[in-house]
Amino acid sequence: MSRRAAWLQHAAVLGGALLPLLPALLGGRTLLWRDGAQLYAPLRPAVVEALRAFRLPLWNPWEGAGQPLLAQGIHAVLHPVSLLVAPFTASLEPVIVLLVLAAASGAAFAARSLGASRPAAAGAAFAYGLSGYVLSMAANLPFLAGAASLPWAVGGLRRAATGARHGVAVAALGTAALALAGDAGSLAAGLLLGGALAVEAGGARGALRALGGASLGLALAAIQLAPSWAWLRETARGVGALPPSDLTTWALVPSRLLELVAPGFLVGVPRSYSAPVFAALDGGGRGFPFAASVFVGAPAIVLAAAGARASRPARVALAGAALFAWLALGHRAGAQQLLAGVPVWGALRYWEKMVGPLTLCLALAAGAGVDALGENGLRRRVALAAAGAAFLGAALGASAPALAREILGGTGPVVELAGAQLRGGLAHGTATVVLLAVVAWRAPAVARAAAFALLLLASAAAASPFALHAGDPAVLRLGPPPLAAAPPGPRLVSPLGFDFTEGDGRLDAVDRLQAWEARTGRPATNAAASVDSIVAYTGVASLRYELLLASGPSFWPLVRRFGTTHVVARAPATGPEEAALAEATRGGVPVAVPSDPEVLAWAIPHRPWAGFVPAALQVDGPLAAARAVADAAAAGAGAIVVEAPGPFATAPGRVLAISRDRERVDLEAESAGDALLVVNDAWAPGWRGEIDGAPAEVLPADLLVRAVRWPAGRHRLVMRYEAPGLATGAAVSAAAALVLAALVAAGRAPIARRSHAE
């Protein structure tokens, strides 16, 4: 009976978690939008191709003249769900669906580890897996992977602390999955919450067992963590060079806390990246928040309060919710300032993502509340609290327009929109609290817990349209125009951005923006067509690339210096756009685009992708290189800037043959004497060279790209990329896997011996 109940619970959790996704899936729509469509989906085929060939996707040659792929960590390459889906499809859609299911089932597992009944665990699963934050992260792969893995790590650490069978192994696997998600903030939050629950469960000895599981999990993930750590030292974030505004841009707006119970207040149903109410309340100049929704639900919060009265683990979870709410507010509540010198937290950019662990804490406490109210029914205090909450919600809903005027401080269309959105959200909260009271008061005791779980499911499912975007999948198949260029092919730049607030009849504004991003080859949509862009789209770009972007007026001469062959754009709509396009295309020749006449293209003068240079200048370090290259580009000088000891011999020559793969460049050339050859692909630690089989040092040149000293005559150059730290990380992961296997075998051994004796 117990096994049957377990299977029924799993089926109910998975079926319920699918519920908000079905309209899009069955209607032929896509759940991918924002970064999911623009950044992760275009690179997913390259990831899958590598995994199917039993190798790792180490380098992305298509963005920013090239950049690491695996070492960035953000593509969740080795996350269990990524590996599970890769043999079957290169689409990111199944990954998104499975991660949502994993979030819900993980919350059920974590709730069970805190002692919740199966119906209560299902309620926790619905409160978390269908929450606004989790569903919103369908737009952002690493944060959804982090949200999906978070409850597994927390539940595993709790099980390890209690001394449960295989507890340490489960903690290790959950921690490894969380580390492989690519979301350092979720990893830190998971270890913090899991550690607190471990101490509550097992004291100091339990904490040590949990620490052992977490350490083993981090070792399992070393194959990802080691190269990511090595790459971090090359980034602006890693050297502490992020502008201060980056650390304060994405904190939770305090008024958004209303959305915990009033879905859609600040954003509404996302159909464009213009959210007027949010923009009016943010004060930071953003038009759209990090998460489209932060909804948790009034029933979940009421049940969490009830759970905290009855359960010590629920009280720990509720304290965690308060902590993560403070963290989510970032600089607005002093968290960013106080934690500025703390590892991970000091470099956190997206403080609002702490809504994820906040939601998990409330969901776990709500699971305890389901059991408490399911067993005891509606006590007088809880009845009065529920009635008071319902009355307050109804009163606030009735006065929503006035409340909106008070919050926004004025009148006008935005205030009217805020009032309407607030009234709808509060109506949802009021109705669900009334239903909660009815269930607690009238439902039979035997069905009460299951009814609470169904109410949590209904509450979250009804609010899901505020978190999800059902897009047109056709926009994911669009790409830049076919353009001709010498090997290894064209390299694009698209100077005009897109900020649509309205659709075009067939597409809403979200899809319209994505379509134009793809049609003009803006990163990373260009990667889907295997076309280069001098621009990159990533949160962990190299310091060298960031310095290039900050070069100001020198930027357009620099993109030509780095082998950019074409400018691609839409028609300019304003005077400043016309000026920007004129600067980008100066001296260029218009190119017809018969496949897409609305797209404009120019072939622009540029330095060849590979060639010998007439002169070289030695500098020390990227900052000096940035200044020297900007000066040289502005002056039109042909000398290359090299960060290596000189002198450098130069001589004329010619490149005879070029071949470029993902992590390899083959090039044949000849020179009249000892020379310096420049390859306009990005330099990074890990690039190694050989000339005719003999080692050749790959030098950082012109801040961003590579150069080698070339001996006189005709030779063959091979460059290969090996991610720094990968070999060490793989060895640590392999050793950790052996330890894990030994732990699992040891856990089974007593049962095997007992069975043999019987």
Foldseek 3Di string as FASTA:
>chain_A
DVVVLVVVLLVLLLVLLCLLVVVLVVVVFAQEFACRLFAALLCLVVLLVQVVVVHGQFKQCFFLLIDGDLLLLQNLSPQPLNNVCSVPDSGCRVSLSVLLSLLLVLLLLLLVLQPFDSLLSLLLSLLQSLFLQLSLCSHGQLLSQLLSLLSQLLSLLSCQLLVHQCSLLSNLQSLLNNSSSSQVVSSVLSCVLSLLSSCVNHNPSSSVSSVSSNVLNVLLNLLRVQLNLVLLCQFCLSVVNDDPCLQQVAADQVVLVLLQAQFCLQARQDLFLARPSCCLRVVRNGRHHPFLGLYSHLLLQLLLVQLVVPGVSSVSLQVSLVVLNLQSRGVVNCQQVVCCPPPPSVSDRNSVSSSSSSSSSSSSSSSSSLVRLLQVFQDPVSLVVLVVLLVVLVVCLVCLLVVLCVSSVHDDDSSVSSSVSRNNRSVLRNVLSVVLNCLSHPPDSVCSSNSSSVSSSVSSSVSSSSRTDGFHCVLSVAAEFADADDPPGAEEDEQDADRDPADDVVGGNRSVRSSQCRHQCPPPNNSSVPHHYSHYDDPGDGPLSVLLVVLPPLNLLVVQALPHFKYKYADDDDPVSVVRVCSNQPQWAWDQRVVDRRMTMTGHHHDHQKAFFDAEAEDADLVVLSVVLSVCSVVVHRYKYWHDDDDADAFHWDWDDWDDDRFKIKTKIATQAWTKMWHSRFDDPFKWKDKQNHTWDWTGMSSGTTMTTDGHTIIMMMIGGDSPSSVVSVVSSVVSVVVSVVSSCVSCVVVVVVVVVD
